[in-house]
Amino acid sequence: MITTIIFDFGGVLGTDADTILYEVLAKYGTTKEKTLEIWNKHWPKMKIDDERVDAIWKTIEEYTKTDIKKVSEEYNQMIAVNPEMLNLCKDLKQKGYKLAILGNETYDWMNIKRQKGNLKEIFDVVYSSADLKTSKPSKEAYLKTLKKLNAKPEETIFIDDRESNTLAAEKLGIKSFVFTNINKLKQDLSKINLI
């Protein structure tokens, strides 16, 4: 019997961190290739909290020669939570399921998402990879989340837009769905009688 549902954030419940960065920096004339280079330099450290977001902003400031406060504010404003997905989560919560978020995300940006979506009101656990000091698809990320929820793998569903992450969860015995859109997710959940 399923008791617990764990959601990824970026690309599932809301915006993806790198996608926003491409969009914001494009306004300042930065190519996608250069943005990707900057992202790849910082993301591996940021997502496990070995580096805070001010490090990537400093690199961007050096490269773009723009007011980084303005750029970071634009970025933060673009962080969004999908209201339709939150409504689905609220419905699942009302049905008695334990809900969690397990996102590969920086500590700082996840806090913005927590506030914008009032995530603590819906989810029993909201973890970023930075909170855990490990990221998906490492098994530790899933196991730490399950432990916090007091949930068993076989009683848990995991939803992520990256197949590498769902495959890693499946290896631990967690039934998983690759997220493409909310209608497909509803179909997947309906097939196993969760909605």
N, C-alpha and C. Protein backbone atom coordinates (compact mmCIF):
# COMPACT_ATOMS: atom_id res chain seq x y z
N MET A 1 0.84 -1.19 0.00
CA MET A 1 0.00 0.00 0.00
C MET A 1 0.88 1.26 0.00
N ILE A 2 0.58 2.18 -0.88
CA ILE A 2 1.34 3.43 -0.97
C ILE A 2 0.91 4.37 0.15
N THR A 3 1.90 4.87 0.88
CA THR A 3 1.65 5.83 1.97
C THR A 3 2.32 7.17 1.72
N THR A 4 3.32 7.18 0.82
CA THR A 4 4.22 8.34 0.71
C THR A 4 4.49 8.66 -0.76
N ILE A 5 4.51 9.95 -1.08
CA ILE A 5 4.84 10.40 -2.44
C ILE A 5 5.92 11.47 -2.34
N ILE A 6 7.02 11.25 -3.06
CA ILE A 6 8.14 12.20 -3.08
C ILE A 6 8.22 12.83 -4.47
N PHE A 7 8.26 14.15 -4.50
CA PHE A 7 8.32 14.91 -5.74
C PHE A 7 9.68 15.58 -5.89
N ASP A 8 10.17 15.61 -7.11
CA ASP A 8 11.25 16.52 -7.47
C ASP A 8 10.64 17.92 -7.52
N PHE A 9 11.48 18.96 -7.48
CA PHE A 9 10.94 20.31 -7.62
C PHE A 9 11.10 20.82 -9.05
N GLY A 10 12.34 21.11 -9.47
CA GLY A 10 12.59 21.73 -10.77
C GLY A 10 12.12 20.86 -11.93
N GLY A 11 11.23 21.41 -12.74
CA GLY A 11 10.70 20.67 -13.87
C GLY A 11 9.48 19.83 -13.51
N VAL A 12 9.12 19.79 -12.23
CA VAL A 12 7.94 19.03 -11.79
C VAL A 12 6.99 19.98 -11.05
N LEU A 13 7.41 20.47 -9.90
CA LEU A 13 6.56 21.36 -9.11
C LEU A 13 6.75 22.83 -9.48
N GLY A 14 7.82 23.13 -10.16
CA GLY A 14 8.09 24.53 -10.51
C GLY A 14 9.27 24.66 -11.45
N THR A 15 9.82 25.85 -11.47
CA THR A 15 10.88 26.17 -12.41
C THR A 15 12.18 25.43 -12.11
N ASP A 16 12.96 25.23 -13.16
CA ASP A 16 14.27 24.60 -13.08
C ASP A 16 15.33 25.69 -12.98
N ALA A 17 16.28 25.51 -12.08
CA ALA A 17 17.29 26.54 -11.80
C ALA A 17 18.08 26.96 -13.03
N ASP A 18 18.59 26.00 -13.80
CA ASP A 18 19.44 26.35 -14.94
C ASP A 18 18.66 27.03 -16.06
N THR A 19 17.41 26.63 -16.26
CA THR A 19 16.59 27.24 -17.31
C THR A 19 16.39 28.73 -17.05
N ILE A 20 16.13 29.07 -15.79
CA ILE A 20 15.96 30.49 -15.45
C ILE A 20 17.26 31.26 -15.70
N LEU A 21 18.38 30.65 -15.32
CA LEU A 21 19.66 31.34 -15.50
C LEU A 21 19.93 31.63 -16.97
N TYR A 22 19.65 30.68 -17.86
CA TYR A 22 19.82 30.93 -19.30
C TYR A 22 18.99 32.12 -19.73
N GLU A 23 17.75 32.16 -19.28
CA GLU A 23 16.82 33.21 -19.69
C GLU A 23 17.26 34.58 -19.18
N VAL A 24 17.65 34.65 -17.92
CA VAL A 24 18.06 35.93 -17.35
C VAL A 24 19.35 36.43 -18.01
N LEU A 25 20.34 35.56 -18.12
CA LEU A 25 21.62 36.02 -18.67
C LEU A 25 21.55 36.35 -20.15
N ALA A 26 20.60 35.74 -20.87
CA ALA A 26 20.42 36.08 -22.28
C ALA A 26 20.06 37.55 -22.44
N LYS A 27 19.32 38.11 -21.47
CA LYS A 27 18.96 39.54 -21.50
C LYS A 27 20.19 40.44 -21.43
N TYR A 28 21.26 39.88 -20.87
CA TYR A 28 22.50 40.66 -20.71
C TYR A 28 23.55 40.26 -21.73
N GLY A 29 23.11 39.59 -22.79
CA GLY A 29 24.00 39.27 -23.90
C GLY A 29 24.89 38.06 -23.69
N THR A 30 24.60 37.26 -22.69
CA THR A 30 25.43 36.08 -22.43
C THR A 30 24.88 34.91 -23.25
N THR A 31 25.76 34.25 -23.99
CA THR A 31 25.33 33.11 -24.80
C THR A 31 24.97 31.93 -23.91
N LYS A 32 24.17 31.04 -24.46
CA LYS A 32 23.80 29.83 -23.72
C LYS A 32 25.06 29.01 -23.41
N GLU A 33 26.01 28.99 -24.33
CA GLU A 33 27.25 28.23 -24.12
C GLU A 33 28.04 28.78 -22.94
N LYS A 34 28.13 30.11 -22.85
CA LYS A 34 28.87 30.72 -21.74
C LYS A 34 28.12 30.50 -20.43
N THR A 35 26.80 30.62 -20.45
CA THR A 35 26.01 30.37 -19.25
C THR A 35 26.22 28.94 -18.78
N LEU A 36 26.22 28.00 -19.72
CA LEU A 36 26.43 26.59 -19.39
C LEU A 36 27.82 26.38 -18.78
N GLU A 37 28.81 27.06 -19.31
CA GLU A 37 30.18 26.97 -18.78
C GLU A 37 30.21 27.45 -17.31
N ILE A 38 29.57 28.59 -17.06
CA ILE A 38 29.52 29.13 -15.69
C ILE A 38 28.73 28.18 -14.79
N TRP A 39 27.61 27.68 -15.30
CA TRP A 39 26.76 26.76 -14.53
C TRP A 39 27.55 25.50 -14.14
N ASN A 40 28.22 24.92 -15.11
CA ASN A 40 28.97 23.68 -14.85
C ASN A 40 30.13 23.88 -13.89
N LYS A 41 30.64 25.09 -13.83
CA LYS A 41 31.72 25.40 -12.89
C LYS A 41 31.20 25.40 -11.45
N HIS A 42 29.99 25.91 -11.24
CA HIS A 42 29.49 26.11 -9.88
C HIS A 42 28.46 25.09 -9.41
N TRP A 43 27.62 24.59 -10.32
CA TRP A 43 26.50 23.75 -9.91
C TRP A 43 26.91 22.53 -9.09
N PRO A 44 27.93 21.76 -9.48
CA PRO A 44 28.28 20.58 -8.69
C PRO A 44 28.55 20.90 -7.21
N LYS A 45 29.12 22.07 -6.94
CA LYS A 45 29.40 22.47 -5.55
C LYS A 45 28.18 23.10 -4.88
N MET A 46 27.43 23.89 -5.65
CA MET A 46 26.27 24.58 -5.07
C MET A 46 25.20 23.60 -4.63
N LYS A 47 24.97 22.55 -5.43
CA LYS A 47 23.86 21.66 -5.12
C LYS A 47 24.10 20.78 -3.89
N ILE A 48 25.35 20.72 -3.41
CA ILE A 48 25.61 19.98 -2.16
C ILE A 48 26.10 20.92 -1.06
N ASP A 49 25.88 22.21 -1.27
CA ASP A 49 26.19 23.26 -0.30
C ASP A 49 27.68 23.39 0.01
N ASP A 50 28.53 22.99 -0.93
CA ASP A 50 29.96 23.27 -0.78
C ASP A 50 30.27 24.68 -1.25
N GLU A 51 29.27 25.32 -1.84
CA GLU A 51 29.40 26.69 -2.34
C GLU A 51 28.01 27.30 -2.32
N ARG A 52 27.90 28.55 -1.94
CA ARG A 52 26.61 29.24 -1.94
C ARG A 52 26.44 29.99 -3.26
N VAL A 53 25.22 30.47 -3.51
CA VAL A 53 24.92 31.10 -4.79
C VAL A 53 25.71 32.38 -5.03
N ASP A 54 26.21 33.00 -3.98
CA ASP A 54 26.99 34.22 -4.21
C ASP A 54 28.22 33.95 -5.06
N ALA A 55 28.72 32.71 -5.05
CA ALA A 55 29.90 32.37 -5.87
C ALA A 55 29.56 32.43 -7.36
N ILE A 56 28.40 31.91 -7.75
CA ILE A 56 28.04 31.96 -9.17
C ILE A 56 27.73 33.40 -9.57
N TRP A 57 27.12 34.18 -8.67
CA TRP A 57 26.84 35.58 -9.00
C TRP A 57 28.13 36.36 -9.18
N LYS A 58 29.14 36.05 -8.38
CA LYS A 58 30.43 36.75 -8.52
C LYS A 58 31.06 36.45 -9.88
N THR A 59 31.02 35.19 -10.30
CA THR A 59 31.56 34.83 -11.62
C THR A 59 30.78 35.53 -12.72
N ILE A 60 29.46 35.55 -12.59
CA ILE A 60 28.62 36.20 -13.61
C ILE A 60 28.90 37.70 -13.66
N GLU A 61 29.08 38.30 -12.49
CA GLU A 61 29.39 39.74 -12.44
C GLU A 61 30.71 40.03 -13.14
N GLU A 62 31.72 39.19 -12.90
CA GLU A 62 33.02 39.38 -13.55
C GLU A 62 32.91 39.26 -15.06
N TYR A 63 32.06 38.34 -15.51
CA TYR A 63 31.93 38.11 -16.95
C TYR A 63 31.06 39.17 -17.61
N THR A 64 29.92 39.50 -17.03
CA THR A 64 28.96 40.38 -17.69
C THR A 64 29.19 41.86 -17.42
N LYS A 65 29.90 42.16 -16.34
CA LYS A 65 30.14 43.56 -15.95
C LYS A 65 28.82 44.30 -15.72
N THR A 66 27.83 43.59 -15.19
CA THR A 66 26.53 44.20 -14.91
C THR A 66 26.32 44.25 -13.41
N ASP A 67 25.27 44.97 -13.02
CA ASP A 67 24.89 45.07 -11.62
C ASP A 67 24.32 43.73 -11.18
N ILE A 68 25.12 42.96 -10.46
CA ILE A 68 24.73 41.59 -10.13
C ILE A 68 23.54 41.56 -9.19
N LYS A 69 23.36 42.61 -8.40
CA LYS A 69 22.19 42.65 -7.52
C LYS A 69 20.92 42.63 -8.36
N LYS A 70 20.92 43.40 -9.45
CA LYS A 70 19.78 43.46 -10.35
C LYS A 70 19.56 42.10 -11.01
N VAL A 71 20.63 41.47 -11.46
CA VAL A 71 20.54 40.16 -12.13
C VAL A 71 20.00 39.10 -11.17
N SER A 72 20.53 39.08 -9.96
CA SER A 72 20.09 38.06 -8.99
C SER A 72 18.64 38.30 -8.56
N GLU A 73 18.25 39.56 -8.46
CA GLU A 73 16.85 39.85 -8.13
C GLU A 73 15.91 39.39 -9.25
N GLU A 74 16.33 39.61 -10.50
CA GLU A 74 15.53 39.13 -11.63
C GLU A 74 15.40 37.61 -11.58
N TYR A 75 16.52 36.95 -11.30
CA TYR A 75 16.53 35.50 -11.20
C TYR A 75 15.54 35.05 -10.12
N ASN A 76 15.68 35.63 -8.94
CA ASN A 76 14.83 35.22 -7.81
C ASN A 76 13.34 35.44 -8.10
N GLN A 77 13.03 36.52 -8.83
CA GLN A 77 11.64 36.80 -9.18
C GLN A 77 11.08 35.76 -10.14
N MET A 78 11.96 35.16 -10.95
CA MET A 78 11.51 34.17 -11.94
C MET A 78 11.32 32.78 -11.33
N ILE A 79 11.80 32.56 -10.12
CA ILE A 79 11.56 31.28 -9.46
C ILE A 79 10.06 31.18 -9.22
N ALA A 80 9.47 30.09 -9.69
CA ALA A 80 8.02 29.96 -9.61
C ALA A 80 7.61 28.54 -9.22
N VAL A 81 6.45 28.47 -8.60
CA VAL A 81 5.83 27.21 -8.23
C VAL A 81 4.58 27.06 -9.08
N ASN A 82 4.34 25.86 -9.61
CA ASN A 82 3.20 25.61 -10.47
C ASN A 82 1.94 25.42 -9.61
N PRO A 83 0.98 26.35 -9.67
CA PRO A 83 -0.20 26.25 -8.80
C PRO A 83 -1.04 25.01 -9.07
N GLU A 84 -1.10 24.55 -10.32
CA GLU A 84 -1.87 23.36 -10.66
C GLU A 84 -1.26 22.12 -9.99
N MET A 85 0.08 22.05 -9.98
CA MET A 85 0.74 20.93 -9.31
C MET A 85 0.54 21.01 -7.80
N LEU A 86 0.59 22.23 -7.25
CA LEU A 86 0.37 22.37 -5.81
C LEU A 86 -1.04 21.94 -5.43
N ASN A 87 -2.02 22.24 -6.28
CA ASN A 87 -3.39 21.81 -6.01
C ASN A 87 -3.49 20.28 -6.01
N LEU A 88 -2.80 19.64 -6.94
CA LEU A 88 -2.77 18.18 -6.96
C LEU A 88 -2.16 17.65 -5.67
N CYS A 89 -1.07 18.26 -5.22
CA CYS A 89 -0.42 17.84 -3.98
C CYS A 89 -1.34 18.04 -2.78
N LYS A 90 -2.08 19.14 -2.77
CA LYS A 90 -3.04 19.38 -1.68
C LYS A 90 -4.10 18.29 -1.65
N ASP A 91 -4.58 17.90 -2.84
CA ASP A 91 -5.57 16.82 -2.92
C ASP A 91 -5.00 15.52 -2.37
N LEU A 92 -3.75 15.22 -2.74
CA LEU A 92 -3.11 13.99 -2.26
C LEU A 92 -2.91 14.04 -0.74
N LYS A 93 -2.56 15.21 -0.24
CA LYS A 93 -2.39 15.39 1.21
C LYS A 93 -3.71 15.14 1.94
N GLN A 94 -4.80 15.66 1.39
CA GLN A 94 -6.12 15.46 1.99
C GLN A 94 -6.53 13.99 2.00
N LYS A 95 -6.01 13.23 1.05
CA LYS A 95 -6.30 11.79 1.01
C LYS A 95 -5.46 11.02 2.02
N GLY A 96 -4.55 11.72 2.71
CA GLY A 96 -3.80 11.08 3.78
C GLY A 96 -2.39 10.63 3.44
N TYR A 97 -1.90 10.98 2.24
CA TYR A 97 -0.54 10.60 1.87
C TYR A 97 0.48 11.53 2.52
N LYS A 98 1.62 10.98 2.92
CA LYS A 98 2.75 11.80 3.34
C LYS A 98 3.41 12.30 2.06
N LEU A 99 3.74 13.59 2.05
CA LEU A 99 4.33 14.19 0.85
C LEU A 99 5.69 14.79 1.18
N ALA A 100 6.59 14.67 0.21
CA ALA A 100 7.92 15.25 0.38
C ALA A 100 8.41 15.83 -0.94
N ILE A 101 9.37 16.73 -0.82
CA ILE A 101 10.11 17.24 -1.98
C ILE A 101 11.55 16.84 -1.78
N LEU A 102 12.13 16.29 -2.84
CA LEU A 102 13.56 15.98 -2.88
C LEU A 102 14.09 16.55 -4.19
N GLY A 103 14.68 17.74 -4.10
CA GLY A 103 15.15 18.42 -5.30
C GLY A 103 16.64 18.65 -5.27
N ASN A 104 17.28 18.48 -6.41
CA ASN A 104 18.68 18.89 -6.53
C ASN A 104 18.67 20.41 -6.66
N GLU A 105 19.00 21.07 -5.57
CA GLU A 105 18.86 22.52 -5.50
C GLU A 105 19.79 23.11 -4.46
N THR A 106 20.11 24.37 -4.64
CA THR A 106 20.92 25.07 -3.66
C THR A 106 20.09 25.37 -2.42
N TYR A 107 20.76 25.59 -1.34
CA TYR A 107 20.09 25.93 -0.08
C TYR A 107 19.31 27.24 -0.25
N ASP A 108 19.96 28.24 -0.84
CA ASP A 108 19.36 29.57 -0.96
C ASP A 108 18.14 29.57 -1.88
N TRP A 109 18.27 28.96 -3.05
CA TRP A 109 17.16 28.97 -4.00
C TRP A 109 16.00 28.10 -3.51
N MET A 110 16.29 27.02 -2.78
CA MET A 110 15.20 26.22 -2.24
C MET A 110 14.42 26.99 -1.19
N ASN A 111 15.10 27.82 -0.44
CA ASN A 111 14.39 28.64 0.55
C ASN A 111 13.41 29.60 -0.11
N ILE A 112 13.79 30.14 -1.26
CA ILE A 112 12.88 31.02 -2.00
C ILE A 112 11.66 30.22 -2.45
N LYS A 113 11.89 29.00 -2.92
CA LYS A 113 10.78 28.14 -3.36
C LYS A 113 9.88 27.78 -2.19
N ARG A 114 10.50 27.49 -1.04
CA ARG A 114 9.71 27.18 0.16
C ARG A 114 8.75 28.33 0.48
N GLN A 115 9.27 29.56 0.40
CA GLN A 115 8.45 30.72 0.75
C GLN A 115 7.39 30.99 -0.31
N LYS A 116 7.78 30.97 -1.58
CA LYS A 116 6.83 31.31 -2.64
C LYS A 116 5.67 30.33 -2.71
N GLY A 117 5.94 29.07 -2.42
CA GLY A 117 4.88 28.07 -2.53
C GLY A 117 4.25 27.67 -1.21
N ASN A 118 4.67 28.33 -0.11
CA ASN A 118 4.22 27.90 1.23
C ASN A 118 4.32 26.38 1.35
N LEU A 119 5.46 25.86 0.94
CA LEU A 119 5.62 24.41 0.80
C LEU A 119 5.50 23.67 2.12
N LYS A 120 5.88 24.31 3.22
CA LYS A 120 5.79 23.63 4.52
C LYS A 120 4.35 23.31 4.92
N GLU A 121 3.40 24.05 4.34
CA GLU A 121 1.99 23.80 4.65
C GLU A 121 1.46 22.53 3.97
N ILE A 122 2.11 22.12 2.89
CA ILE A 122 1.63 20.98 2.11
C ILE A 122 2.50 19.74 2.32
N PHE A 123 3.81 19.96 2.39
CA PHE A 123 4.75 18.84 2.39
C PHE A 123 5.28 18.56 3.80
N ASP A 124 5.38 17.28 4.12
CA ASP A 124 5.91 16.87 5.42
C ASP A 124 7.41 17.12 5.50
N VAL A 125 8.08 16.98 4.36
CA VAL A 125 9.53 17.18 4.29
C VAL A 125 9.82 17.94 2.99
N VAL A 126 10.66 18.97 3.08
CA VAL A 126 11.12 19.69 1.89
C VAL A 126 12.65 19.71 1.95
N TYR A 127 13.25 18.86 1.13
CA TYR A 127 14.71 18.75 1.11
C TYR A 127 15.27 19.23 -0.21
N SER A 128 16.33 20.01 -0.11
CA SER A 128 17.18 20.25 -1.27
C SER A 128 18.39 19.35 -1.10
N SER A 129 19.08 19.10 -2.19
CA SER A 129 20.31 18.32 -2.12
C SER A 129 21.32 19.03 -1.21
N ALA A 130 21.26 20.36 -1.18
CA ALA A 130 22.17 21.12 -0.30
C ALA A 130 21.86 20.84 1.17
N ASP A 131 20.59 20.66 1.51
CA ASP A 131 20.22 20.31 2.89
C ASP A 131 20.85 18.97 3.27
N LEU A 132 20.86 18.05 2.32
CA LEU A 132 21.31 16.68 2.58
C LEU A 132 22.81 16.49 2.36
N LYS A 133 23.44 17.46 1.68
CA LYS A 133 24.86 17.38 1.32
C LYS A 133 25.14 16.23 0.35
N THR A 134 24.11 15.79 -0.34
CA THR A 134 24.24 14.78 -1.38
C THR A 134 23.10 14.98 -2.37
N SER A 135 23.31 14.60 -3.61
CA SER A 135 22.29 14.87 -4.63
C SER A 135 21.84 13.59 -5.32
N LYS A 136 20.63 13.67 -5.90
CA LYS A 136 20.15 12.57 -6.73
C LYS A 136 21.08 12.48 -7.94
N PRO A 137 21.38 11.32 -8.44
CA PRO A 137 20.76 10.04 -8.14
C PRO A 137 21.47 9.19 -7.08
N SER A 138 22.25 9.79 -6.18
CA SER A 138 22.90 8.98 -5.15
C SER A 138 21.84 8.38 -4.23
N LYS A 139 22.04 7.13 -3.86
CA LYS A 139 21.03 6.45 -3.04
C LYS A 139 20.86 7.11 -1.68
N GLU A 140 21.91 7.78 -1.19
CA GLU A 140 21.82 8.43 0.13
C GLU A 140 20.72 9.49 0.16
N ALA A 141 20.54 10.20 -0.95
CA ALA A 141 19.51 11.25 -0.99
C ALA A 141 18.12 10.64 -0.76
N TYR A 142 17.85 9.53 -1.41
CA TYR A 142 16.54 8.88 -1.26
C TYR A 142 16.40 8.27 0.14
N LEU A 143 17.46 7.61 0.60
CA LEU A 143 17.39 6.93 1.90
C LEU A 143 17.22 7.92 3.05
N LYS A 144 17.90 9.06 2.98
CA LYS A 144 17.74 10.08 4.03
C LYS A 144 16.31 10.63 4.04
N THR A 145 15.75 10.80 2.86
CA THR A 145 14.38 11.31 2.76
C THR A 145 13.39 10.28 3.32
N LEU A 146 13.57 9.03 2.94
CA LEU A 146 12.69 7.97 3.46
C LEU A 146 12.78 7.88 4.98
N LYS A 147 14.00 7.99 5.50
CA LYS A 147 14.19 7.90 6.95
C LYS A 147 13.44 9.03 7.66
N LYS A 148 13.57 10.25 7.14
CA LYS A 148 12.90 11.39 7.74
C LYS A 148 11.37 11.22 7.73
N LEU A 149 10.87 10.58 6.69
CA LEU A 149 9.43 10.36 6.54
C LEU A 149 8.96 9.10 7.27
N ASN A 150 9.91 8.33 7.76
CA ASN A 150 9.59 7.03 8.36
C ASN A 150 8.78 6.19 7.36
N ALA A 151 9.28 6.14 6.12
CA ALA A 151 8.59 5.46 5.02
C ALA A 151 9.45 4.32 4.48
N LYS A 152 8.78 3.30 3.99
CA LYS A 152 9.46 2.16 3.37
C LYS A 152 9.49 2.37 1.85
N PRO A 153 10.56 1.93 1.18
CA PRO A 153 10.63 2.10 -0.27
C PRO A 153 9.41 1.54 -1.01
N GLU A 154 8.96 0.35 -0.61
CA GLU A 154 7.86 -0.30 -1.32
C GLU A 154 6.51 0.39 -1.08
N GLU A 155 6.47 1.33 -0.15
CA GLU A 155 5.24 2.09 0.12
C GLU A 155 5.31 3.51 -0.42
N THR A 156 6.32 3.75 -1.26
CA THR A 156 6.62 5.12 -1.70
C THR A 156 6.59 5.23 -3.22
N ILE A 157 6.11 6.37 -3.69
CA ILE A 157 6.16 6.75 -5.11
C ILE A 157 7.12 7.92 -5.23
N PHE A 158 7.92 7.93 -6.30
CA PHE A 158 8.84 9.04 -6.56
C PHE A 158 8.55 9.58 -7.96
N ILE A 159 8.49 10.91 -8.06
CA ILE A 159 8.17 11.58 -9.33
C ILE A 159 9.26 12.59 -9.66
N ASP A 160 9.87 12.43 -10.83
CA ASP A 160 10.98 13.31 -11.24
C ASP A 160 10.95 13.43 -12.76
N ASP A 161 11.44 14.55 -13.27
CA ASP A 161 11.46 14.72 -14.73
C ASP A 161 12.71 14.14 -15.37
N ARG A 162 13.63 13.61 -14.58
CA ARG A 162 14.85 13.01 -15.12
C ARG A 162 14.84 11.50 -14.89
N GLU A 163 14.95 10.77 -15.98
CA GLU A 163 14.89 9.31 -15.88
C GLU A 163 16.05 8.75 -15.05
N SER A 164 17.20 9.38 -15.08
CA SER A 164 18.33 8.87 -14.27
C SER A 164 17.96 8.86 -12.79
N ASN A 165 17.17 9.84 -12.36
CA ASN A 165 16.74 9.90 -10.96
C ASN A 165 15.66 8.88 -10.64
N THR A 166 14.73 8.65 -11.58
CA THR A 166 13.68 7.67 -11.32
C THR A 166 14.27 6.26 -11.35
N LEU A 167 15.23 6.01 -12.22
CA LEU A 167 15.86 4.68 -12.26
C LEU A 167 16.61 4.39 -10.96
N ALA A 168 17.27 5.40 -10.41
CA ALA A 168 17.99 5.22 -9.15
C ALA A 168 17.02 4.90 -8.02
N ALA A 169 15.86 5.56 -8.02
CA ALA A 169 14.84 5.28 -7.00
C ALA A 169 14.29 3.87 -7.16
N GLU A 170 14.07 3.47 -8.41
CA GLU A 170 13.55 2.12 -8.69
C GLU A 170 14.51 1.05 -8.15
N LYS A 171 15.81 1.30 -8.25
CA LYS A 171 16.80 0.33 -7.75
C LYS A 171 16.68 0.12 -6.25
N LEU A 172 16.12 1.11 -5.56
CA LEU A 172 15.92 1.00 -4.12
C LEU A 172 14.54 0.43 -3.77
N GLY A 173 13.77 0.10 -4.79
CA GLY A 173 12.43 -0.46 -4.55
C GLY A 173 11.33 0.57 -4.49
N ILE A 174 11.63 1.79 -4.93
CA ILE A 174 10.63 2.87 -4.93
C ILE A 174 9.99 2.96 -6.31
N LYS A 175 8.68 2.75 -6.40
CA LYS A 175 7.99 2.89 -7.69
C LYS A 175 8.11 4.34 -8.14
N SER A 176 8.45 4.54 -9.41
CA SER A 176 8.74 5.89 -9.89
C SER A 176 8.06 6.19 -11.21
N PHE A 177 7.78 7.47 -11.41
CA PHE A 177 7.22 7.96 -12.66
C PHE A 177 8.09 9.09 -13.17
N VAL A 178 8.35 9.06 -14.49
CA VAL A 178 9.02 10.18 -15.13
C VAL A 178 7.96 11.21 -15.46
N PHE A 179 8.14 12.42 -14.94
CA PHE A 179 7.17 13.50 -15.13
C PHE A 179 7.38 14.16 -16.48
N THR A 180 6.30 14.29 -17.26
CA THR A 180 6.35 15.07 -18.50
C THR A 180 5.36 16.23 -18.44
N ASN A 181 4.18 15.97 -17.85
CA ASN A 181 3.19 17.03 -17.66
C ASN A 181 2.17 16.54 -16.64
N ILE A 182 1.35 17.45 -16.15
CA ILE A 182 0.43 17.11 -15.07
C ILE A 182 -0.65 16.12 -15.51
N ASN A 183 -1.10 16.21 -16.75
CA ASN A 183 -2.13 15.29 -17.21
C ASN A 183 -1.62 13.86 -17.25
N LYS A 184 -0.40 13.68 -17.72
CA LYS A 184 0.21 12.35 -17.75
C LYS A 184 0.41 11.84 -16.33
N LEU A 185 0.83 12.71 -15.42
CA LEU A 185 1.02 12.30 -14.03
C LEU A 185 -0.30 11.85 -13.42
N LYS A 186 -1.36 12.59 -13.68
CA LYS A 186 -2.68 12.20 -13.16
C LYS A 186 -3.08 10.82 -13.70
N GLN A 187 -2.80 10.57 -14.96
CA GLN A 187 -3.08 9.25 -15.54
C GLN A 187 -2.28 8.17 -14.82
N ASP A 188 -0.98 8.44 -14.60
CA ASP A 188 -0.12 7.47 -13.92
C ASP A 188 -0.63 7.18 -12.51
N LEU A 189 -1.00 8.23 -11.79
CA LEU A 189 -1.47 8.05 -10.41
C LEU A 189 -2.84 7.37 -10.38
N SER A 190 -3.66 7.65 -11.37
CA SER A 190 -4.99 7.03 -11.47
C SER A 190 -4.87 5.53 -11.71
N LYS A 191 -3.90 5.13 -12.53
CA LYS A 191 -3.71 3.71 -12.84
C LYS A 191 -3.39 2.89 -11.60
N ILE A 192 -2.79 3.53 -10.59
CA ILE A 192 -2.48 2.80 -9.35
C ILE A 192 -3.41 3.24 -8.21
N ASN A 193 -4.53 3.84 -8.62
CA ASN A 193 -5.62 4.20 -7.69
C ASN A 193 -5.21 5.18 -6.58
N LEU A 194 -4.32 6.12 -6.90
CA LEU A 194 -3.96 7.14 -5.91
C LEU A 194 -4.85 8.36 -6.03
N ILE A 195 -5.44 8.56 -7.20
CA ILE A 195 -6.39 9.67 -7.37
C ILE A 195 -7.64 9.14 -8.09
